[in-house]
Amino acid sequence: EQRAPRFVVEPADQRRVTDRFIDAC
């Protein structure tokens, strides 16, 4: 599906940063 222009699988490191952001807030 990544052949579709806008679809990107969420990177694991991005997910970790987002979790840290959410937990801190």
mmCIF file of all heavy atoms, coordinates in Angstrom:
data_MODEL
# 
_entry.id   MODEL 
# 
loop_
_atom_site.group_PDB 
_atom_site.id 
_atom_site.type_symbol 
_atom_site.label_atom_id 
_atom_site.label_alt_id 
_atom_site.label_comp_id 
_atom_site.label_asym_id 
_atom_site.label_entity_id 
_atom_site.label_seq_id 
_atom_site.pdbx_PDB_ins_code 
_atom_site.Cartn_x 
_atom_site.Cartn_y 
_atom_site.Cartn_z 
_atom_site.occupancy 
_atom_site.B_iso_or_equiv 
_atom_site.pdbx_formal_charge 
_atom_site.auth_seq_id 
_atom_site.auth_comp_id 
_atom_site.auth_asym_id 
_atom_site.auth_atom_id 
_atom_site.pdbx_PDB_model_num 
ATOM 1   N N   . GLU A 1 1  ? 0.821  -1.214 0.000  1.00 0.00 ? 1  GLU A N   1 
ATOM 2   C CA  . GLU A 1 1  ? 0.000  0.000  0.000  1.00 0.00 ? 1  GLU A CA  1 
ATOM 3   C C   . GLU A 1 1  ? 0.853  1.260  0.000  1.00 0.00 ? 1  GLU A C   1 
ATOM 4   O O   . GLU A 1 1  ? 0.365  2.338  -0.333 1.00 0.00 ? 1  GLU A O   1 
ATOM 5   C CB  . GLU A 1 1  ? -0.919 0.007  1.230  1.00 0.00 ? 1  GLU A CB  1 
ATOM 6   C CG  . GLU A 1 1  ? -2.001 -1.059 1.198  1.00 0.00 ? 1  GLU A CG  1 
ATOM 7   C CD  . GLU A 1 1  ? -3.027 -0.817 0.108  1.00 0.00 ? 1  GLU A CD  1 
ATOM 8   O OE1 . GLU A 1 1  ? -3.150 0.341  -0.337 1.00 0.00 ? 1  GLU A OE1 1 
ATOM 9   O OE2 . GLU A 1 1  ? -3.683 -1.786 -0.313 1.00 0.00 ? 1  GLU A OE2 1 
ATOM 10  N N   . GLN A 1 2  ? 2.130  1.144  0.398  1.00 0.00 ? 2  GLN A N   1 
ATOM 11  C CA  . GLN A 1 2  ? 2.987  2.320  0.419  1.00 0.00 ? 2  GLN A CA  1 
ATOM 12  C C   . GLN A 1 2  ? 3.240  2.882  -0.971 1.00 0.00 ? 2  GLN A C   1 
ATOM 13  O O   . GLN A 1 2  ? 3.760  3.982  -1.106 1.00 0.00 ? 2  GLN A O   1 
ATOM 14  C CB  . GLN A 1 2  ? 4.327  2.006  1.096  1.00 0.00 ? 2  GLN A CB  1 
ATOM 15  C CG  . GLN A 1 2  ? 4.243  2.016  2.607  1.00 0.00 ? 2  GLN A CG  1 
ATOM 16  C CD  . GLN A 1 2  ? 5.612  1.955  3.241  1.00 0.00 ? 2  GLN A CD  1 
ATOM 17  O OE1 . GLN A 1 2  ? 6.205  0.903  3.375  1.00 0.00 ? 2  GLN A OE1 1 
ATOM 18  N NE2 . GLN A 1 2  ? 6.113  3.101  3.635  1.00 0.00 ? 2  GLN A NE2 1 
ATOM 19  N N   . ARG A 1 3  ? 2.850  2.130  -1.988 1.00 0.00 ? 3  ARG A N   1 
ATOM 20  C CA  . ARG A 1 3  ? 2.945  2.686  -3.334 1.00 0.00 ? 3  ARG A CA  1 
ATOM 21  C C   . ARG A 1 3  ? 1.983  3.853  -3.504 1.00 0.00 ? 3  ARG A C   1 
ATOM 22  O O   . ARG A 1 3  ? 2.176  4.700  -4.364 1.00 0.00 ? 3  ARG A O   1 
ATOM 23  C CB  . ARG A 1 3  ? 2.657  1.595  -4.372 1.00 0.00 ? 3  ARG A CB  1 
ATOM 24  C CG  . ARG A 1 3  ? 3.776  0.573  -4.485 1.00 0.00 ? 3  ARG A CG  1 
ATOM 25  C CD  . ARG A 1 3  ? 3.598  -0.267 -5.733 1.00 0.00 ? 3  ARG A CD  1 
ATOM 26  N NE  . ARG A 1 3  ? 2.419  -1.130 -5.628 1.00 0.00 ? 3  ARG A NE  1 
ATOM 27  C CZ  . ARG A 1 3  ? 2.467  -2.376 -5.171 1.00 0.00 ? 3  ARG A CZ  1 
ATOM 28  N NH1 . ARG A 1 3  ? 3.611  -2.894 -4.776 1.00 0.00 ? 3  ARG A NH1 1 
ATOM 29  N NH2 . ARG A 1 3  ? 1.378  -3.109 -5.129 1.00 0.00 ? 3  ARG A NH2 1 
ATOM 30  N N   . ALA A 1 4  ? 0.918  3.879  -2.666 1.00 0.00 ? 4  ALA A N   1 
ATOM 31  C CA  . ALA A 1 4  ? 0.026  5.042  -2.679 1.00 0.00 ? 4  ALA A CA  1 
ATOM 32  C C   . ALA A 1 4  ? 0.799  6.249  -2.175 1.00 0.00 ? 4  ALA A C   1 
ATOM 33  O O   . ALA A 1 4  ? 1.557  6.148  -1.212 1.00 0.00 ? 4  ALA A O   1 
ATOM 34  C CB  . ALA A 1 4  ? -1.189 4.779  -1.778 1.00 0.00 ? 4  ALA A CB  1 
ATOM 35  N N   . PRO A 1 5  ? 0.630  7.427  -2.779 1.00 0.00 ? 5  PRO A N   1 
ATOM 36  C CA  . PRO A 1 5  ? 1.486  8.576  -2.495 1.00 0.00 ? 5  PRO A CA  1 
ATOM 37  C C   . PRO A 1 5  ? 1.523  9.006  -1.039 1.00 0.00 ? 5  PRO A C   1 
ATOM 38  O O   . PRO A 1 5  ? 2.547  9.436  -0.548 1.00 0.00 ? 5  PRO A O   1 
ATOM 39  C CB  . PRO A 1 5  ? 0.888  9.690  -3.372 1.00 0.00 ? 5  PRO A CB  1 
ATOM 40  C CG  . PRO A 1 5  ? 0.052  9.011  -4.392 1.00 0.00 ? 5  PRO A CG  1 
ATOM 41  C CD  . PRO A 1 5  ? -0.370 7.708  -3.808 1.00 0.00 ? 5  PRO A CD  1 
ATOM 42  N N   . ARG A 1 6  ? 0.396  8.892  -0.317 1.00 0.00 ? 6  ARG A N   1 
ATOM 43  C CA  . ARG A 1 6  ? 0.336  9.496  1.014  1.00 0.00 ? 6  ARG A CA  1 
ATOM 44  C C   . ARG A 1 6  ? 0.512  8.498  2.135  1.00 0.00 ? 6  ARG A C   1 
ATOM 45  O O   . ARG A 1 6  ? 0.609  8.881  3.291  1.00 0.00 ? 6  ARG A O   1 
ATOM 46  C CB  . ARG A 1 6  ? -1.012 10.214 1.212  1.00 0.00 ? 6  ARG A CB  1 
ATOM 47  C CG  . ARG A 1 6  ? -1.268 11.318 0.239  1.00 0.00 ? 6  ARG A CG  1 
ATOM 48  C CD  . ARG A 1 6  ? -0.991 12.685 0.732  1.00 0.00 ? 6  ARG A CD  1 
ATOM 49  N NE  . ARG A 1 6  ? -1.316 12.960 2.102  1.00 0.00 ? 6  ARG A NE  1 
ATOM 50  C CZ  . ARG A 1 6  ? -0.905 14.051 2.716  1.00 0.00 ? 6  ARG A CZ  1 
ATOM 51  N NH1 . ARG A 1 6  ? -0.157 14.920 2.086  1.00 0.00 ? 6  ARG A NH1 1 
ATOM 52  N NH2 . ARG A 1 6  ? -1.224 14.284 3.961  1.00 0.00 ? 6  ARG A NH2 1 
ATOM 53  N N   . PHE A 1 7  ? 0.512  7.193  1.835  1.00 0.00 ? 7  PHE A N   1 
ATOM 54  C CA  . PHE A 1 7  ? 0.540  6.234  2.930  1.00 0.00 ? 7  PHE A CA  1 
ATOM 55  C C   . PHE A 1 7  ? 1.958  5.939  3.377  1.00 0.00 ? 7  PHE A C   1 
ATOM 56  O O   . PHE A 1 7  ? 2.809  5.579  2.571  1.00 0.00 ? 7  PHE A O   1 
ATOM 57  C CB  . PHE A 1 7  ? -0.154 4.920  2.558  1.00 0.00 ? 7  PHE A CB  1 
ATOM 58  C CG  . PHE A 1 7  ? -0.139 3.941  3.685  1.00 0.00 ? 7  PHE A CG  1 
ATOM 59  C CD1 . PHE A 1 7  ? -0.988 4.123  4.763  1.00 0.00 ? 7  PHE A CD1 1 
ATOM 60  C CD2 . PHE A 1 7  ? 0.741  2.891  3.698  1.00 0.00 ? 7  PHE A CD2 1 
ATOM 61  C CE1 . PHE A 1 7  ? -0.957 3.245  5.837  1.00 0.00 ? 7  PHE A CE1 1 
ATOM 62  C CE2 . PHE A 1 7  ? 0.773  2.012  4.763  1.00 0.00 ? 7  PHE A CE2 1 
ATOM 63  C CZ  . PHE A 1 7  ? -0.083 2.190  5.828  1.00 0.00 ? 7  PHE A CZ  1 
ATOM 64  N N   . VAL A 1 8  ? 2.208  6.087  4.683  1.00 0.00 ? 8  VAL A N   1 
ATOM 65  C CA  . VAL A 1 8  ? 3.522  5.803  5.259  1.00 0.00 ? 8  VAL A CA  1 
ATOM 66  C C   . VAL A 1 8  ? 3.310  5.033  6.559  1.00 0.00 ? 8  VAL A C   1 
ATOM 67  O O   . VAL A 1 8  ? 2.496  5.431  7.388  1.00 0.00 ? 8  VAL A O   1 
ATOM 68  C CB  . VAL A 1 8  ? 4.305  7.101  5.560  1.00 0.00 ? 8  VAL A CB  1 
ATOM 69  C CG1 . VAL A 1 8  ? 5.662  6.773  6.174  1.00 0.00 ? 8  VAL A CG1 1 
ATOM 70  C CG2 . VAL A 1 8  ? 4.488  7.919  4.290  1.00 0.00 ? 8  VAL A CG2 1 
ATOM 71  N N   . VAL A 1 9  ? 4.002  3.908  6.728  1.00 0.00 ? 9  VAL A N   1 
ATOM 72  C CA  . VAL A 1 9  ? 3.931  3.173  7.990  1.00 0.00 ? 9  VAL A CA  1 
ATOM 73  C C   . VAL A 1 9  ? 4.630  3.980  9.073  1.00 0.00 ? 9  VAL A C   1 
ATOM 74  O O   . VAL A 1 9  ? 5.735  4.472  8.877  1.00 0.00 ? 9  VAL A O   1 
ATOM 75  C CB  . VAL A 1 9  ? 4.581  1.788  7.849  1.00 0.00 ? 9  VAL A CB  1 
ATOM 76  C CG1 . VAL A 1 9  ? 4.576  1.056  9.184  1.00 0.00 ? 9  VAL A CG1 1 
ATOM 77  C CG2 . VAL A 1 9  ? 3.844  0.949  6.804  1.00 0.00 ? 9  VAL A CG2 1 
ATOM 78  N N   . GLU A 1 10 ? 3.989  4.101  10.218 1.00 0.00 ? 10 GLU A N   1 
ATOM 79  C CA  . GLU A 1 10 ? 4.506  4.914  11.316 1.00 0.00 ? 10 GLU A CA  1 
ATOM 80  C C   . GLU A 1 10 ? 5.812  4.334  11.860 1.00 0.00 ? 10 GLU A C   1 
ATOM 81  O O   . GLU A 1 10 ? 5.844  3.184  12.296 1.00 0.00 ? 10 GLU A O   1 
ATOM 82  C CB  . GLU A 1 10 ? 3.461  4.965  12.428 1.00 0.00 ? 10 GLU A CB  1 
ATOM 83  C CG  . GLU A 1 10 ? 3.833  5.814  13.603 1.00 0.00 ? 10 GLU A CG  1 
ATOM 84  C CD  . GLU A 1 10 ? 2.768  5.753  14.684 1.00 0.00 ? 10 GLU A CD  1 
ATOM 85  O OE1 . GLU A 1 10 ? 1.984  4.785  14.686 1.00 0.00 ? 10 GLU A OE1 1 
ATOM 86  O OE2 . GLU A 1 10 ? 2.726  6.666  15.512 1.00 0.00 ? 10 GLU A OE2 1 
ATOM 87  N N   . PRO A 1 11 ? 6.919  5.101  11.853 1.00 0.00 ? 11 PRO A N   1 
ATOM 88  C CA  . PRO A 1 11 ? 8.189  4.586  12.381 1.00 0.00 ? 11 PRO A CA  1 
ATOM 89  C C   . PRO A 1 11 ? 8.121  4.370  13.891 1.00 0.00 ? 11 PRO A C   1 
ATOM 90  O O   . PRO A 1 11 ? 7.441  5.101  14.612 1.00 0.00 ? 11 PRO A O   1 
ATOM 91  C CB  . PRO A 1 11 ? 9.193  5.698  12.041 1.00 0.00 ? 11 PRO A CB  1 
ATOM 92  C CG  . PRO A 1 11 ? 8.516  6.570  11.026 1.00 0.00 ? 11 PRO A CG  1 
ATOM 93  C CD  . PRO A 1 11 ? 7.051  6.450  11.304 1.00 0.00 ? 11 PRO A CD  1 
ATOM 94  N N   . ALA A 1 12 ? 8.854  3.359  14.370 1.00 0.00 ? 12 ALA A N   1 
ATOM 95  C CA  . ALA A 1 12 ? 8.841  3.018  15.796 1.00 0.00 ? 12 ALA A CA  1 
ATOM 96  C C   . ALA A 1 12 ? 9.405  4.156  16.643 1.00 0.00 ? 12 ALA A C   1 
ATOM 97  O O   . ALA A 1 12 ? 8.886  4.441  17.728 1.00 0.00 ? 12 ALA A O   1 
ATOM 98  C CB  . ALA A 1 12 ? 9.625  1.734  16.041 1.00 0.00 ? 12 ALA A CB  1 
ATOM 99  N N   . ASP A 1 13 ? 10.486 4.826  16.160 1.00 0.00 ? 13 ASP A N   1 
ATOM 100 C CA  . ASP A 1 13 ? 11.071 5.892  16.968 1.00 0.00 ? 13 ASP A CA  1 
ATOM 101 C C   . ASP A 1 13 ? 10.132 7.082  17.084 1.00 0.00 ? 13 ASP A C   1 
ATOM 102 O O   . ASP A 1 13 ? 10.062 7.729  18.121 1.00 0.00 ? 13 ASP A O   1 
ATOM 103 C CB  . ASP A 1 13 ? 12.429 6.332  16.393 1.00 0.00 ? 13 ASP A CB  1 
ATOM 104 C CG  . ASP A 1 13 ? 12.334 6.820  14.963 1.00 0.00 ? 13 ASP A CG  1 
ATOM 105 O OD1 . ASP A 1 13 ? 11.339 6.487  14.281 1.00 0.00 ? 13 ASP A OD1 1 
ATOM 106 O OD2 . ASP A 1 13 ? 13.267 7.525  14.512 1.00 0.00 ? 13 ASP A OD2 1 
ATOM 107 N N   . GLN A 1 14 ? 9.385  7.339  16.021 1.00 0.00 ? 14 GLN A N   1 
ATOM 108 C CA  . GLN A 1 14 ? 8.393  8.418  16.073 1.00 0.00 ? 14 GLN A CA  1 
ATOM 109 C C   . GLN A 1 14 ? 7.311  8.109  17.091 1.00 0.00 ? 14 GLN A C   1 
ATOM 110 O O   . GLN A 1 14 ? 6.867  8.975  17.844 1.00 0.00 ? 14 GLN A O   1 
ATOM 111 C CB  . GLN A 1 14 ? 7.776  8.608  14.689 1.00 0.00 ? 14 GLN A CB  1 
ATOM 112 C CG  . GLN A 1 14 ? 6.718  9.699  14.607 1.00 0.00 ? 14 GLN A CG  1 
ATOM 113 C CD  . GLN A 1 14 ? 6.272  9.909  13.181 1.00 0.00 ? 14 GLN A CD  1 
ATOM 114 O OE1 . GLN A 1 14 ? 6.974  10.510 12.387 1.00 0.00 ? 14 GLN A OE1 1 
ATOM 115 N NE2 . GLN A 1 14 ? 5.104  9.397  12.839 1.00 0.00 ? 14 GLN A NE2 1 
ATOM 116 N N   . ARG A 1 15 ? 6.898  6.865  17.139 1.00 0.00 ? 15 ARG A N   1 
ATOM 117 C CA  . ARG A 1 15 ? 5.898  6.429  18.105 1.00 0.00 ? 15 ARG A CA  1 
ATOM 118 C C   . ARG A 1 15 ? 6.416  6.596  19.533 1.00 0.00 ? 15 ARG A C   1 
ATOM 119 O O   . ARG A 1 15 ? 5.684  7.052  20.419 1.00 0.00 ? 15 ARG A O   1 
ATOM 120 C CB  . ARG A 1 15 ? 5.545  4.956  17.839 1.00 0.00 ? 15 ARG A CB  1 
ATOM 121 C CG  . ARG A 1 15 ? 4.726  4.290  18.925 1.00 0.00 ? 15 ARG A CG  1 
ATOM 122 C CD  . ARG A 1 15 ? 3.295  4.732  18.917 1.00 0.00 ? 15 ARG A CD  1 
ATOM 123 N NE  . ARG A 1 15 ? 2.593  4.271  20.101 1.00 0.00 ? 15 ARG A NE  1 
ATOM 124 C CZ  . ARG A 1 15 ? 1.306  4.441  20.334 1.00 0.00 ? 15 ARG A CZ  1 
ATOM 125 N NH1 . ARG A 1 15 ? 0.563  5.071  19.456 1.00 0.00 ? 15 ARG A NH1 1 
ATOM 126 N NH2 . ARG A 1 15 ? 0.767  4.000  21.427 1.00 0.00 ? 15 ARG A NH2 1 
ATOM 127 N N   . ARG A 1 16 ? 7.685  6.257  19.760 1.00 0.00 ? 16 ARG A N   1 
ATOM 128 C CA  . ARG A 1 16 ? 8.253  6.383  21.100 1.00 0.00 ? 16 ARG A CA  1 
ATOM 129 C C   . ARG A 1 16 ? 8.293  7.849  21.545 1.00 0.00 ? 16 ARG A C   1 
ATOM 130 O O   . ARG A 1 16 ? 7.979  8.156  22.702 1.00 0.00 ? 16 ARG A O   1 
ATOM 131 C CB  . ARG A 1 16 ? 9.656  5.771  21.134 1.00 0.00 ? 16 ARG A CB  1 
ATOM 132 C CG  . ARG A 1 16 ? 9.683  4.258  21.147 1.00 0.00 ? 16 ARG A CG  1 
ATOM 133 C CD  . ARG A 1 16 ? 11.062 3.736  21.475 1.00 0.00 ? 16 ARG A CD  1 
ATOM 134 N NE  . ARG A 1 16 ? 11.992 3.997  20.392 1.00 0.00 ? 16 ARG A NE  1 
ATOM 135 C CZ  . ARG A 1 16 ? 12.212 3.171  19.379 1.00 0.00 ? 16 ARG A CZ  1 
ATOM 136 N NH1 . ARG A 1 16 ? 11.555 2.020  19.309 1.00 0.00 ? 16 ARG A NH1 1 
ATOM 137 N NH2 . ARG A 1 16 ? 13.103 3.469  18.445 1.00 0.00 ? 16 ARG A NH2 1 
ATOM 138 N N   . VAL A 1 17 ? 8.680  8.734  20.646 1.00 0.00 ? 17 VAL A N   1 
ATOM 139 C CA  . VAL A 1 17 ? 8.729  10.161 20.988 1.00 0.00 ? 17 VAL A CA  1 
ATOM 140 C C   . VAL A 1 17 ? 7.320  10.672 21.299 1.00 0.00 ? 17 VAL A C   1 
ATOM 141 O O   . VAL A 1 17 ? 7.113  11.411 22.259 1.00 0.00 ? 17 VAL A O   1 
ATOM 142 C CB  . VAL A 1 17 ? 9.363  10.969 19.839 1.00 0.00 ? 17 VAL A CB  1 
ATOM 143 C CG1 . VAL A 1 17 ? 9.225  12.472 20.098 1.00 0.00 ? 17 VAL A CG1 1 
ATOM 144 C CG2 . VAL A 1 17 ? 10.828 10.603 19.668 1.00 0.00 ? 17 VAL A CG2 1 
ATOM 145 N N   . THR A 1 18 ? 6.355  10.246 20.495 1.00 0.00 ? 18 THR A N   1 
ATOM 146 C CA  . THR A 1 18 ? 4.970  10.666 20.724 1.00 0.00 ? 18 THR A CA  1 
ATOM 147 C C   . THR A 1 18 ? 4.472  10.173 22.070 1.00 0.00 ? 18 THR A C   1 
ATOM 148 O O   . THR A 1 18 ? 3.800  10.908 22.806 1.00 0.00 ? 18 THR A O   1 
ATOM 149 C CB  . THR A 1 18 ? 4.053  10.137 19.607 1.00 0.00 ? 18 THR A CB  1 
ATOM 150 O OG1 . THR A 1 18 ? 4.581  10.512 18.332 1.00 0.00 ? 18 THR A OG1 1 
ATOM 151 C CG2 . THR A 1 18 ? 2.648  10.703 19.742 1.00 0.00 ? 18 THR A CG2 1 
ATOM 152 N N   . ASP A 1 19 ? 4.786  8.935  22.422 1.00 0.00 ? 19 ASP A N   1 
ATOM 153 C CA  . ASP A 1 19 ? 4.378  8.396  23.722 1.00 0.00 ? 19 ASP A CA  1 
ATOM 154 C C   . ASP A 1 19 ? 5.006  9.188  24.875 1.00 0.00 ? 19 ASP A C   1 
ATOM 155 O O   . ASP A 1 19 ? 4.338  9.463  25.879 1.00 0.00 ? 19 ASP A O   1 
ATOM 156 C CB  . ASP A 1 19 ? 4.771  6.923  23.835 1.00 0.00 ? 19 ASP A CB  1 
ATOM 157 C CG  . ASP A 1 19 ? 3.820  6.005  23.096 1.00 0.00 ? 19 ASP A CG  1 
ATOM 158 O OD1 . ASP A 1 19 ? 2.729  6.470  22.720 1.00 0.00 ? 19 ASP A OD1 1 
ATOM 159 O OD2 . ASP A 1 19 ? 4.173  4.829  22.871 1.00 0.00 ? 19 ASP A OD2 1 
ATOM 160 N N   . ARG A 1 20 ? 6.274  9.531  24.739 1.00 0.00 ? 20 ARG A N   1 
ATOM 161 C CA  . ARG A 1 20 ? 6.937  10.328 25.782 1.00 0.00 ? 20 ARG A CA  1 
ATOM 162 C C   . ARG A 1 20 ? 6.277  11.703 25.903 1.00 0.00 ? 20 ARG A C   1 
ATOM 163 O O   . ARG A 1 20 ? 6.074  12.215 27.014 1.00 0.00 ? 20 ARG A O   1 
ATOM 164 C CB  . ARG A 1 20 ? 8.421  10.476 25.447 1.00 0.00 ? 20 ARG A CB  1 
ATOM 165 C CG  . ARG A 1 20 ? 9.230  9.198  25.627 1.00 0.00 ? 20 ARG A CG  1 
ATOM 166 C CD  . ARG A 1 20 ? 10.619 9.337  25.014 1.00 0.00 ? 20 ARG A CD  1 
ATOM 167 N NE  . ARG A 1 20 ? 11.339 10.488 25.573 1.00 0.00 ? 20 ARG A NE  1 
ATOM 168 C CZ  . ARG A 1 20 ? 12.353 11.094 24.962 1.00 0.00 ? 20 ARG A CZ  1 
ATOM 169 N NH1 . ARG A 1 20 ? 12.753 10.679 23.755 1.00 0.00 ? 20 ARG A NH1 1 
ATOM 170 N NH2 . ARG A 1 20 ? 12.965 12.092 25.539 1.00 0.00 ? 20 ARG A NH2 1 
ATOM 171 N N   . PHE A 1 21 ? 5.942  12.288 24.786 1.00 0.00 ? 21 PHE A N   1 
ATOM 172 C CA  . PHE A 1 21 ? 5.265  13.588 24.768 1.00 0.00 ? 21 PHE A CA  1 
ATOM 173 C C   . PHE A 1 21 ? 3.914  13.502 25.488 1.00 0.00 ? 21 PHE A C   1 
ATOM 174 O O   . PHE A 1 21 ? 3.590  14.322 26.359 1.00 0.00 ? 21 PHE A O   1 
ATOM 175 C CB  . PHE A 1 21 ? 5.082  14.038 23.317 1.00 0.00 ? 21 PHE A CB  1 
ATOM 176 C CG  . PHE A 1 21 ? 4.286  15.305 23.135 1.00 0.00 ? 21 PHE A CG  1 
ATOM 177 C CD1 . PHE A 1 21 ? 4.918  16.540 23.108 1.00 0.00 ? 21 PHE A CD1 1 
ATOM 178 C CD2 . PHE A 1 21 ? 2.904  15.260 22.962 1.00 0.00 ? 21 PHE A CD2 1 
ATOM 179 C CE1 . PHE A 1 21 ? 4.187  17.716 22.924 1.00 0.00 ? 21 PHE A CE1 1 
ATOM 180 C CE2 . PHE A 1 21 ? 2.169  16.417 22.788 1.00 0.00 ? 21 PHE A CE2 1 
ATOM 181 C CZ  . PHE A 1 21 ? 2.815  17.653 22.771 1.00 0.00 ? 21 PHE A CZ  1 
ATOM 182 N N   . ILE A 1 22 ? 3.123  12.487 25.128 1.00 0.00 ? 22 ILE A N   1 
ATOM 183 C CA  . ILE A 1 22 ? 1.796  12.321 25.716 1.00 0.00 ? 22 ILE A CA  1 
ATOM 184 C C   . ILE A 1 22 ? 1.896  12.022 27.213 1.00 0.00 ? 22 ILE A C   1 
ATOM 185 O O   . ILE A 1 22 ? 1.158  12.599 28.018 1.00 0.00 ? 22 ILE A O   1 
ATOM 186 C CB  . ILE A 1 22 ? 1.026  11.206 24.977 1.00 0.00 ? 22 ILE A CB  1 
ATOM 187 C CG1 . ILE A 1 22 ? 0.624  11.693 23.582 1.00 0.00 ? 22 ILE A CG1 1 
ATOM 188 C CG2 . ILE A 1 22 ? -0.208 10.775 25.779 1.00 0.00 ? 22 ILE A CG2 1 
ATOM 189 C CD1 . ILE A 1 22 ? -0.052 10.637 22.734 1.00 0.00 ? 22 ILE A CD1 1 
ATOM 190 N N   . ASP A 1 23 ? 2.788  11.123 27.602 1.00 0.00 ? 23 ASP A N   1 
ATOM 191 C CA  . ASP A 1 23 ? 2.933  10.769 29.020 1.00 0.00 ? 23 ASP A CA  1 
ATOM 192 C C   . ASP A 1 23 ? 3.344  11.975 29.856 1.00 0.00 ? 23 ASP A C   1 
ATOM 193 O O   . ASP A 1 23 ? 2.842  12.173 30.972 1.00 0.00 ? 23 ASP A O   1 
ATOM 194 C CB  . ASP A 1 23 ? 3.963  9.650  29.180 1.00 0.00 ? 23 ASP A CB  1 
ATOM 195 C CG  . ASP A 1 23 ? 3.448  8.304  28.702 1.00 0.00 ? 23 ASP A CG  1 
ATOM 196 O OD1 . ASP A 1 23 ? 2.216  8.161  28.574 1.00 0.00 ? 23 ASP A OD1 1 
ATOM 197 O OD2 . ASP A 1 23 ? 4.264  7.408  28.447 1.00 0.00 ? 23 ASP A OD2 1 
ATOM 198 N N   . ALA A 1 24 ? 4.249  12.795 29.324 1.00 0.00 ? 24 ALA A N   1 
ATOM 199 C CA  . ALA A 1 24 ? 4.695  13.971 30.061 1.00 0.00 ? 24 ALA A CA  1 
ATOM 200 C C   . ALA A 1 24 ? 3.549  14.949 30.262 1.00 0.00 ? 24 ALA A C   1 
ATOM 201 O O   . ALA A 1 24 ? 3.352  15.491 31.360 1.00 0.00 ? 24 ALA A O   1 
ATOM 202 C CB  . ALA A 1 24 ? 5.850  14.649 29.328 1.00 0.00 ? 24 ALA A CB  1 
ATOM 203 N N   . CYS A 1 25 ? 2.758  15.181 29.205 1.00 0.00 ? 25 CYS A N   1 
ATOM 204 C CA  . CYS A 1 25 ? 1.609  16.093 29.321 1.00 0.00 ? 25 CYS A CA  1 
ATOM 205 C C   . CYS A 1 25 ? 0.567  15.524 30.283 1.00 0.00 ? 25 CYS A C   1 
ATOM 206 O O   . CYS A 1 25 ? 0.052  16.236 31.153 1.00 0.00 ? 25 CYS A O   1 
ATOM 207 C CB  . CYS A 1 25 ? 0.979  16.332 27.948 1.00 0.00 ? 25 CYS A CB  1 
ATOM 208 S SG  . CYS A 1 25 ? 1.958  17.348 26.820 1.00 0.00 ? 25 CYS A SG  1 
# 
